[in-house]
Amino acid sequence: MFKVFDIAGSAMTAQSQRLNVVASNLANIDSATSSDGQVYKAKQVVFETTPLSKAQRNVAGVRVREVVEDTAPPRLVYDPTSPFADGNGYVTFPNVNAVEEMVNMISASRSYQTNADMMNTAKTMLLKTLQLGQ
């Protein structure tokens, strides 16, 4: 029964990392250059299941395996007056899609909330079980 808290906790941690990546993508959506001088590339998290203990390998949680860069091409905007424009007058912006990031943000926050609700339900069930003996 207590593995429920471990499973939900691992999922909440993973969704929290996903939310941080979404926030980073949205913060850099209009950045012409990043701190290293290159165009920012959108990032995506990749989840994987992970056993919670070696004794019970069939009980698994979730974790972020890696954060990968999106391979979509960058956005080119014609603005010859920009100091970041190339020889043809185009400014290169990150490949971040605001609509996709908002969908990712809503999905991650709903998943986080669902896991929090599951923990509250398990806690309520445990408290009710303790009250049975009184």
Foldseek 3Di string as FASTA:
>chain_A
DVVLLVQLVQLLVALVVQLVLLVVLVVQQAPLADPVRHADFRKGWDKDWAAPDPVCRVRTHMHTPDIGGDPDAWDWDAAQVDPQADPRRIGTHYPRDNVVSVVSNVVSVVSNVVSVVSVVVVVVVVVVVVVVVD
